[in-house]
PDB file of N, CA and C in Angstrom:
ATOM      1  N   UNK A   1       0.827  -1.200   0.000  1.00  0.00           N
ATOM      2  CA  UNK A   1       0.000   0.000   0.000  1.00  0.00           C
ATOM      3  C   UNK A   1       0.868   1.260   0.000  1.00  0.00           C
ATOM      4  N   UNK A   2       2.014   1.174   0.647  1.00  0.00           N
ATOM      5  CA  UNK A   2       2.932   2.315   0.696  1.00  0.00           C
ATOM      6  C   UNK A   2       3.400   2.698  -0.705  1.00  0.00           C
ATOM      7  N   UNK A   3       3.749   1.695  -1.512  1.00  0.00           N
ATOM      8  CA  UNK A   3       4.199   1.969  -2.878  1.00  0.00           C
ATOM      9  C   UNK A   3       3.069   2.546  -3.723  1.00  0.00           C
ATOM     10  N   UNK A   4       1.859   2.076  -3.492  1.00  0.00           N
ATOM     11  CA  UNK A   4       0.693   2.569  -4.231  1.00  0.00           C
ATOM     12  C   UNK A   4       0.457   4.048  -3.927  1.00  0.00           C
ATOM     13  N   UNK A   5       0.516   4.415  -2.664  1.00  0.00           N
ATOM     14  CA  UNK A   5       0.317   5.811  -2.265  1.00  0.00           C
ATOM     15  C   UNK A   5       1.430   6.685  -2.842  1.00  0.00           C
ATOM     16  N   UNK A   6       2.647   6.199  -2.777  1.00  0.00           N
ATOM     17  CA  UNK A   6       3.785   6.949  -3.310  1.00  0.00           C
ATOM     18  C   UNK A   6       3.642   7.178  -4.809  1.00  0.00           C
ATOM     19  N   UNK A   7       3.278   6.128  -5.543  1.00  0.00           N
ATOM     20  CA  UNK A   7       3.138   6.278  -6.995  1.00  0.00           C
ATOM     21  C   UNK A   7       1.969   7.192  -7.349  1.00  0.00           C
ATOM     22  N   UNK A   8       0.891   7.147  -6.576  1.00  0.00           N
ATOM     23  CA  UNK A   8      -0.249   8.033  -6.832  1.00  0.00           C
ATOM     24  C   UNK A   8       0.148   9.490  -6.592  1.00  0.00           C
ATOM     25  N   UNK A   9       0.916   9.732  -5.545  1.00  0.00           N
ATOM     26  CA  UNK A   9       1.378  11.087  -5.241  1.00  0.00           C
ATOM     27  C   UNK A   9       2.319  11.599  -6.329  1.00  0.00           C
ATOM     28  N   UNK A  10       3.227  10.748  -6.759  1.00  0.00           N
ATOM     29  CA  UNK A  10       4.156  11.135  -7.835  1.00  0.00           C
ATOM     30  C   UNK A  10       3.377  11.429  -9.113  1.00  0.00           C
ATOM     31  N   UNK A  11       2.356  10.641  -9.378  1.00  0.00           N
ATOM     32  CA  UNK A  11       1.519  10.860 -10.550  1.00  0.00           C
ATOM     33  C   UNK A  11       0.795  12.203 -10.465  1.00  0.00           C
ATOM     34  N   UNK A  12       0.300  12.543  -9.278  1.00  0.00           N
ATOM     35  CA  UNK A  12      -0.362  13.839  -9.100  1.00  0.00           C
ATOM     36  C   UNK A  12       0.627  14.988  -9.334  1.00  0.00           C
ATOM     37  N   UNK A  13       1.834  14.838  -8.834  1.00  0.00           N
ATOM     38  CA  UNK A  13       2.855  15.873  -9.035  1.00  0.00           C
ATOM     39  C   UNK A  13       3.199  16.020 -10.513  1.00  0.00           C
ATOM     40  N   UNK A  14       3.322  14.895 -11.200  1.00  0.00           N
ATOM     41  CA  UNK A  14       3.634  14.913 -12.626  1.00  0.00           C
ATOM     42  C   UNK A  14       2.522  15.575 -13.417  1.00  0.00           C
ATOM     43  N   UNK A  15       1.268  15.264 -13.071  1.00  0.00           N
ATOM     44  CA  UNK A  15       0.131  15.887 -13.746  1.00  0.00           C
ATOM     45  C   UNK A  15       0.150  17.394 -13.568  1.00  0.00           C
ATOM     46  N   UNK A  16       0.492  17.858 -12.378  1.00  0.00           N
ATOM     47  CA  UNK A  16       0.557  19.300 -12.118  1.00  0.00           C
ATOM     48  C   UNK A  16       1.646  19.971 -12.945  1.00  0.00           C
ATOM     49  N   UNK A  17       2.769  19.305 -13.087  1.00  0.00           N
ATOM     50  CA  UNK A  17       3.881  19.884 -13.845  1.00  0.00           C
ATOM     51  C   UNK A  17       3.558  19.968 -15.330  1.00  0.00           C
ATOM     52  N   UNK A  18       2.813  18.999 -15.842  1.00  0.00           N
ATOM     53  CA  UNK A  18       2.498  18.958 -17.266  1.00  0.00           C
ATOM     54  C   UNK A  18       1.346  19.868 -17.652  1.00  0.00           C
ATOM     55  N   UNK A  19       0.485  20.200 -16.711  1.00  0.00           N
ATOM     56  CA  UNK A  19      -0.705  20.985 -16.999  1.00  0.00           C
ATOM     57  C   UNK A  19      -0.468  22.446 -16.625  1.00  0.00           C
ATOM     58  N   UNK A  20      -0.050  23.240 -17.606  1.00  0.00           N
ATOM     59  CA  UNK A  20       0.275  24.643 -17.358  1.00  0.00           C
ATOM     60  C   UNK A  20      -0.959  25.505 -17.106  1.00  0.00           C
ATOM     61  N   UNK A  21      -2.117  25.078 -17.599  1.00  0.00           N
ATOM     62  CA  UNK A  21      -3.317  25.906 -17.457  1.00  0.00           C
ATOM     63  C   UNK A  21      -3.822  25.945 -16.024  1.00  0.00           C
ATOM     64  N   UNK A  22      -3.418  24.984 -15.219  1.00  0.00           N
ATOM     65  CA  UNK A  22      -3.895  24.943 -13.838  1.00  0.00           C
ATOM     66  C   UNK A  22      -2.787  25.349 -12.877  1.00  0.00           C
ATOM     67  N   UNK A  23      -2.200  26.482 -13.130  1.00  0.00           N
ATOM     68  CA  UNK A  23      -1.093  26.914 -12.292  1.00  0.00           C
ATOM     69  C   UNK A  23      -1.554  27.600 -11.006  1.00  0.00           C
ATOM     70  N   UNK A  24      -2.847  27.514 -10.698  1.00  0.00           N
ATOM     71  CA  UNK A  24      -3.359  28.117  -9.470  1.00  0.00           C
ATOM     72  C   UNK A  24      -3.110  27.231  -8.249  1.00  0.00           C
ATOM     73  N   UNK A  25      -3.084  25.924  -8.442  1.00  0.00           N
ATOM     74  CA  UNK A  25      -3.039  24.980  -7.342  1.00  0.00           C
ATOM     75  C   UNK A  25      -1.856  24.045  -7.517  1.00  0.00           C
ATOM     76  N   UNK A  26      -1.278  23.641  -6.406  1.00  0.00           N
ATOM     77  CA  UNK A  26      -0.094  22.811  -6.447  1.00  0.00           C
ATOM     78  C   UNK A  26      -0.305  21.553  -5.615  1.00  0.00           C
ATOM     79  N   UNK A  27       0.404  20.514  -5.987  1.00  0.00           N
ATOM     80  CA  UNK A  27       0.432  19.298  -5.187  1.00  0.00           C
ATOM     81  C   UNK A  27       1.708  19.345  -4.365  1.00  0.00           C
ATOM     82  N   UNK A  28       1.541  19.381  -3.058  1.00  0.00           N
ATOM     83  CA  UNK A  28       2.676  19.523  -2.156  1.00  0.00           C
ATOM     84  C   UNK A  28       2.672  18.377  -1.143  1.00  0.00           C
ATOM     85  N   UNK A  29       3.599  18.440  -0.235  1.00  0.00           N
ATOM     86  CA  UNK A  29       3.647  17.439   0.835  1.00  0.00           C
ATOM     87  C   UNK A  29       2.376  17.493   1.679  1.00  0.00           C
ATOM     88  N   UNK A  30       1.768  18.657   1.778  1.00  0.00           N
ATOM     89  CA  UNK A  30       0.495  18.771   2.507  1.00  0.00           C
ATOM     90  C   UNK A  30      -0.604  17.973   1.812  1.00  0.00           C
ATOM     91  N   UNK A  31      -0.543  17.912   0.502  1.00  0.00           N
ATOM     92  CA  UNK A  31      -1.507  17.106  -0.245  1.00  0.00           C
ATOM     93  C   UNK A  31      -1.356  15.644   0.125  1.00  0.00           C
ATOM     94  N   UNK A  32      -0.125  15.185   0.193  1.00  0.00           N
ATOM     95  CA  UNK A  32       0.132  13.803   0.590  1.00  0.00           C
ATOM     96  C   UNK A  32      -0.379  13.547   2.002  1.00  0.00           C
ATOM     97  N   UNK A  33      -0.115  14.452   2.893  1.00  0.00           N
ATOM     98  CA  UNK A  33      -0.594  14.310   4.264  1.00  0.00           C
ATOM     99  C   UNK A  33      -2.124  14.286   4.309  1.00  0.00           C
ATOM    100  N   UNK A  34      -2.753  15.092   3.494  1.00  0.00           N
ATOM    101  CA  UNK A  34      -4.215  15.102   3.429  1.00  0.00           C
ATOM    102  C   UNK A  34      -4.759  13.776   2.925  1.00  0.00           C
ATOM    103  N   UNK A  35      -4.101  13.211   1.939  1.00  0.00           N
ATOM    104  CA  UNK A  35      -4.521  11.911   1.416  1.00  0.00           C
ATOM    105  C   UNK A  35      -4.411  10.848   2.507  1.00  0.00           C
ATOM    106  N   UNK A  36      -3.320  10.888   3.250  1.00  0.00           N
ATOM    107  CA  UNK A  36      -3.138   9.916   4.333  1.00  0.00           C
ATOM    108  C   UNK A  36      -4.208  10.084   5.414  1.00  0.00           C
ATOM    109  N   UNK A  37      -4.471  11.316   5.783  1.00  0.00           N
ATOM    110  CA  UNK A  37      -5.476  11.556   6.835  1.00  0.00           C
ATOM    111  C   UNK A  37      -6.881  11.194   6.366  1.00  0.00           C
ATOM    112  N   UNK A  38      -7.204  11.539   5.126  1.00  0.00           N
ATOM    113  CA  UNK A  38      -8.512  11.160   4.587  1.00  0.00           C
ATOM    114  C   UNK A  38      -8.650   9.638   4.520  1.00  0.00           C
ATOM    115  N   UNK A  39      -7.589   8.970   4.118  1.00  0.00           N
ATOM    116  CA  UNK A  39      -7.615   7.504   4.054  1.00  0.00           C
ATOM    117  C   UNK A  39      -7.865   6.900   5.427  1.00  0.00           C
ATOM    118  N   UNK A  40      -7.198   7.434   6.430  1.00  0.00           N
ATOM    119  CA  UNK A  40      -7.403   6.949   7.796  1.00  0.00           C
ATOM    120  C   UNK A  40      -8.835   7.200   8.260  1.00  0.00           C
ATOM    121  N   UNK A  41      -9.363   8.377   7.939  1.00  0.00           N
ATOM    122  CA  UNK A  41     -10.735   8.706   8.334  1.00  0.00           C
ATOM    123  C   UNK A  41     -11.735   7.785   7.648  1.00  0.00           C
ATOM    124  N   UNK A  42     -11.500   7.482   6.381  1.00  0.00           N
ATOM    125  CA  UNK A  42     -12.397   6.579   5.658  1.00  0.00           C
ATOM    126  C   UNK A  42     -12.352   5.173   6.245  1.00  0.00           C
ATOM    127  N   UNK A  43     -11.173   4.742   6.658  1.00  0.00           N
ATOM    128  CA  UNK A  43     -11.060   3.427   7.294  1.00  0.00           C
ATOM    129  C   UNK A  43     -11.817   3.418   8.622  1.00  0.00           C
ATOM    130  N   UNK A  44     -11.706   4.503   9.370  1.00  0.00           N
ATOM    131  CA  UNK A  44     -12.418   4.584  10.651  1.00  0.00           C
ATOM    132  C   UNK A  44     -13.927   4.580  10.454  1.00  0.00           C
ATOM    133  N   UNK A  45     -14.388   5.172   9.349  1.00  0.00           N
ATOM    134  CA  UNK A  45     -15.818   5.138   9.048  1.00  0.00           C
ATOM    135  C   UNK A  45     -16.314   3.707   8.828  1.00  0.00           C
ATOM    136  N   UNK A  46     -15.423   2.867   8.348  1.00  0.00           N
ATOM    137  CA  UNK A  46     -15.760   1.450   8.149  1.00  0.00           C
ATOM    138  C   UNK A  46     -15.505   0.632   9.411  1.00  0.00           C
ATOM    139  N   UNK A  47     -15.116   1.301  10.492  1.00  0.00           N
ATOM    140  CA  UNK A  47     -14.758   0.646  11.757  1.00  0.00           C
ATOM    141  C   UNK A  47     -13.596  -0.325  11.569  1.00  0.00           C
ATOM    142  N   UNK A  48     -12.642   0.093  10.761  1.00  0.00           N
ATOM    143  CA  UNK A  48     -11.465  -0.716  10.499  1.00  0.00           C
ATOM    144  C   UNK A  48     -10.243  -0.017  11.083  1.00  0.00           C
ATOM    145  N   UNK A  49      -9.309  -0.818  11.558  1.00  0.00           N
ATOM    146  CA  UNK A  49      -8.072  -0.258  12.087  1.00  0.00           C
ATOM    147  C   UNK A  49      -6.987  -0.171  11.022  1.00  0.00           C
ATOM    148  N   UNK A  50      -7.266  -0.741   9.848  1.00  0.00           N
ATOM    149  CA  UNK A  50      -6.292  -0.719   8.755  1.00  0.00           C
ATOM    150  C   UNK A  50      -6.870   0.001   7.546  1.00  0.00           C
ATOM    151  N   UNK A  51      -6.017   0.768   6.902  1.00  0.00           N
ATOM    152  CA  UNK A  51      -6.404   1.478   5.688  1.00  0.00           C
ATOM    153  C   UNK A  51      -6.284   0.518   4.509  1.00  0.00           C
ATOM    154  N   UNK A  52      -7.307   0.487   3.673  1.00  0.00           N
ATOM    155  CA  UNK A  52      -7.274  -0.366   2.481  1.00  0.00           C
ATOM    156  C   UNK A  52      -7.007   0.491   1.244  1.00  0.00           C
ATOM    157  N   UNK A  53      -6.750  -0.165   0.142  1.00  0.00           N
ATOM    158  CA  UNK A  53      -6.487   0.553  -1.096  1.00  0.00           C
ATOM    159  C   UNK A  53      -7.720   1.333  -1.541  1.00  0.00           C
ATOM    160  N   UNK A  54      -8.898   0.809  -1.263  1.00  0.00           N
ATOM    161  CA  UNK A  54     -10.123   1.536  -1.634  1.00  0.00           C
ATOM    162  C   UNK A  54     -10.247   2.836  -0.840  1.00  0.00           C
ATOM    163  N   UNK A  55      -9.760   2.848   0.399  1.00  0.00           N
ATOM    164  CA  UNK A  55      -9.749   4.086   1.188  1.00  0.00           C
ATOM    165  C   UNK A  55      -8.814   5.113   0.547  1.00  0.00           C
ATOM    166  N   UNK A  56      -7.668   4.667   0.111  1.00  0.00           N
ATOM    167  CA  UNK A  56      -6.699   5.557  -0.537  1.00  0.00           C
ATOM    168  C   UNK A  56      -7.273   6.073  -1.856  1.00  0.00           C
ATOM    169  N   UNK A  57      -7.887   5.182  -2.630  1.00  0.00           N
ATOM    170  CA  UNK A  57      -8.485   5.593  -3.906  1.00  0.00           C
ATOM    171  C   UNK A  57      -9.551   6.656  -3.701  1.00  0.00           C
ATOM    172  N   UNK A  58     -10.393   6.481  -2.692  1.00  0.00           N
ATOM    173  CA  UNK A  58     -11.441   7.458  -2.419  1.00  0.00           C
ATOM    174  C   UNK A  58     -10.839   8.771  -1.940  1.00  0.00           C
ATOM    175  N   UNK A  59      -9.804   8.728  -1.148  1.00  0.00           N
ATOM    176  CA  UNK A  59      -9.139   9.949  -0.680  1.00  0.00           C
ATOM    177  C   UNK A  59      -8.533  10.710  -1.861  1.00  0.00           C
ATOM    178  N   UNK A  60      -7.916   9.994  -2.777  1.00  0.00           N
ATOM    179  CA  UNK A  60      -7.339  10.635  -3.963  1.00  0.00           C
ATOM    180  C   UNK A  60      -8.438  11.229  -4.826  1.00  0.00           C
ATOM    181  N   UNK A  61      -9.536  10.507  -4.984  1.00  0.00           N
ATOM    182  CA  UNK A  61     -10.665  11.021  -5.761  1.00  0.00           C
ATOM    183  C   UNK A  61     -11.201  12.306  -5.140  1.00  0.00           C
ATOM    184  N   UNK A  62     -11.319  12.322  -3.824  1.00  0.00           N
ATOM    185  CA  UNK A  62     -11.790  13.527  -3.133  1.00  0.00           C
ATOM    186  C   UNK A  62     -10.836  14.704  -3.345  1.00  0.00           C
ATOM    187  N   UNK A  63      -9.548  14.440  -3.327  1.00  0.00           N
ATOM    188  CA  UNK A  63      -8.570  15.505  -3.554  1.00  0.00           C
ATOM    189  C   UNK A  63      -8.684  16.061  -4.973  1.00  0.00           C
ATOM    190  N   UNK A  64      -8.824  15.161  -5.956  1.00  0.00           N
ATOM    191  CA  UNK A  64      -8.981  15.610  -7.340  1.00  0.00           C
ATOM    192  C   UNK A  64     -10.260  16.440  -7.496  1.00  0.00           C
ATOM    193  N   UNK A  65     -11.350  15.982  -6.907  1.00  0.00           N
ATOM    194  CA  UNK A  65     -12.613  16.701  -7.012  1.00  0.00           C
ATOM    195  C   UNK A  65     -12.521  18.066  -6.335  1.00  0.00           C
ATOM    196  N   UNK A  66     -11.829  18.122  -5.221  1.00  0.00           N
ATOM    197  CA  UNK A  66     -11.658  19.385  -4.520  1.00  0.00           C
ATOM    198  C   UNK A  66     -10.878  20.371  -5.379  1.00  0.00           C
ATOM    199  N   UNK A  67      -9.784  19.912  -5.957  1.00  0.00           N
ATOM    200  CA  UNK A  67      -8.990  20.785  -6.829  1.00  0.00           C
ATOM    201  C   UNK A  67      -9.793  21.211  -8.048  1.00  0.00           C
ATOM    202  N   UNK A  68     -10.539  20.273  -8.599  1.00  0.00           N
ATOM    203  CA  UNK A  68     -11.341  20.569  -9.788  1.00  0.00           C
ATOM    204  C   UNK A  68     -12.409  21.616  -9.473  1.00  0.00           C
ATOM    205  N   UNK A  69     -13.047  21.504  -8.326  1.00  0.00           N
ATOM    206  CA  UNK A  69     -14.079  22.479  -7.965  1.00  0.00           C
ATOM    207  C   UNK A  69     -13.472  23.865  -7.775  1.00  0.00           C
ATOM    208  N   UNK A  70     -12.283  23.934  -7.212  1.00  0.00           N
ATOM    209  CA  UNK A  70     -11.609  25.222  -7.062  1.00  0.00           C
ATOM    210  C   UNK A  70     -11.235  25.805  -8.414  1.00  0.00           C
ATOM    211  N   UNK A  71     -10.746  24.950  -9.307  1.00  0.00           N
ATOM    212  CA  UNK A  71     -10.367  25.400 -10.645  1.00  0.00           C
ATOM    213  C   UNK A  71     -11.593  25.903 -11.392  1.00  0.00           C
ATOM    214  N   UNK A  72     -12.713  25.165 -11.295  1.00  0.00           N
ATOM    215  CA  UNK A  72     -13.945  25.581 -11.961  1.00  0.00           C
ATOM    216  C   UNK A  72     -14.439  26.912 -11.417  1.00  0.00           C
ATOM    217  N   UNK A  73     -14.295  27.107 -10.116  1.00  0.00           N
ATOM    218  CA  UNK A  73     -14.723  28.357  -9.491  1.00  0.00           C
ATOM    219  C   UNK A  73     -13.875  29.523  -9.988  1.00  0.00           C
ATOM    220  N   UNK A  74     -12.575  29.314 -10.082  1.00  0.00           N
ATOM    221  CA  UNK A  74     -11.682  30.371 -10.571  1.00  0.00           C
ATOM    222  C   UNK A  74     -11.990  30.685 -12.028  1.00  0.00           C
ATOM    223  N   UNK A  75     -12.200  29.653 -12.820  1.00  0.00           N
ATOM    224  CA  UNK A  75     -12.496  29.852 -14.240  1.00  0.00           C
ATOM    225  C   UNK A  75     -13.815  30.587 -14.437  1.00  0.00           C
ATOM    226  N   UNK A  76     -14.829  30.249 -13.666  1.00  0.00           N
ATOM    227  CA  UNK A  76     -16.119  30.919 -13.824  1.00  0.00           C
ATOM    228  C   UNK A  76     -16.034  32.374 -13.386  1.00  0.00           C
ATOM    229  N   UNK A  77     -15.192  32.668 -12.408  1.00  0.00           N
ATOM    230  CA  UNK A  77     -15.042  34.062 -11.981  1.00  0.00           C
ATOM    231  C   UNK A  77     -14.324  34.876 -13.047  1.00  0.00           C
ATOM    232  N   UNK A  78     -13.446  34.238 -13.816  1.00  0.00           N
ATOM    233  CA  UNK A  78     -12.734  34.936 -14.885  1.00  0.00           C
ATOM    234  C   UNK A  78     -13.650  35.205 -16.077  1.00  0.00           C
ATOM    235  N   UNK A  79     -14.687  34.403 -16.222  1.00  0.00           N
ATOM    236  CA  UNK A  79     -15.601  34.569 -17.348  1.00  0.00           C
ATOM    237  C   UNK A  79     -16.783  35.472 -17.003  1.00  0.00           C
ATOM    238  N   UNK A  80     -16.798  36.037 -15.830  1.00  0.00           N
ATOM    239  CA  UNK A  80     -17.860  36.958 -15.474  1.00  0.00           C
ATOM    240  C   UNK A  80     -19.085  36.312 -14.872  1.00  0.00           C
ATOM    241  N   UNK A  81     -19.068  35.029 -14.643  1.00  0.00           N
ATOM    242  CA  UNK A  81     -20.217  34.353 -14.054  1.00  0.00           C
ATOM    243  C   UNK A  81     -20.032  34.189 -12.546  1.00  0.00           C
ATOM    244  N   UNK A  82     -19.290  35.055 -11.982  1.00  0.00           N
ATOM    245  CA  UNK A  82     -18.989  34.967 -10.556  1.00  0.00           C
ATOM    246  C   UNK A  82     -20.130  35.571  -9.749  1.00  0.00           C
ATOM    247  N   UNK A  83     -20.611  34.820  -8.806  1.00  0.00           N
ATOM    248  CA  UNK A  83     -21.710  35.270  -7.965  1.00  0.00           C
ATOM    249  C   UNK A  83     -21.152  35.562  -6.571  1.00  0.00           C
ATOM    250  N   UNK A  84     -21.319  36.765  -6.053  1.00  0.00           N
ATOM    251  CA  UNK A  84     -20.774  37.096  -4.725  1.00  0.00           C
ATOM    252  C   UNK A  84     -21.313  36.212  -3.614  1.00  0.00           C
ATOM    253  N   UNK A  85     -22.481  35.660  -3.810  1.00  0.00           N
ATOM    254  CA  UNK A  85     -23.061  34.785  -2.793  1.00  0.00           C
ATOM    255  C   UNK A  85     -22.227  33.524  -2.612  1.00  0.00           C
ATOM    256  N   UNK A  86     -21.584  33.067  -3.656  1.00  0.00           N
ATOM    257  CA  UNK A  86     -20.779  31.846  -3.558  1.00  0.00           C
ATOM    258  C   UNK A  86     -19.577  32.028  -2.643  1.00  0.00           C
ATOM    259  N   UNK A  87     -19.086  33.246  -2.511  1.00  0.00           N
ATOM    260  CA  UNK A  87     -17.964  33.446  -1.592  1.00  0.00           C
ATOM    261  C   UNK A  87     -18.399  33.342  -0.151  1.00  0.00           C
ATOM    262  N   UNK A  88     -19.671  33.594   0.104  1.00  0.00           N
ATOM    263  CA  UNK A  88     -20.188  33.488   1.461  1.00  0.00           C
ATOM    264  C   UNK A  88     -20.460  32.035   1.815  1.00  0.00           C
ATOM    265  N   UNK A  89     -21.052  31.327   0.886  1.00  0.00           N
ATOM    266  CA  UNK A  89     -21.428  29.934   1.143  1.00  0.00           C
ATOM    267  C   UNK A  89     -20.444  29.044   0.486  1.00  0.00           C
TER     268      UNK A  89
END
């Protein structure tokens, strides 16, 4: 599982380096720590003391979705569809 997490993190870093259009957000060591913590939390939700690969996969998916939602929000604000209410909620 350690190698799987490492390769997924390296893949995320590589994707960030290759994608110049998304220079707003970065994959850092904090991202890796977040993936680990989310994985642990997902395992605890299953009442398990061990993290499984499915927990890691879901944590990575959540991280990608989070970054994507931020990117979409930034892009929509650049196109003039920015709603001030969204900054509150």
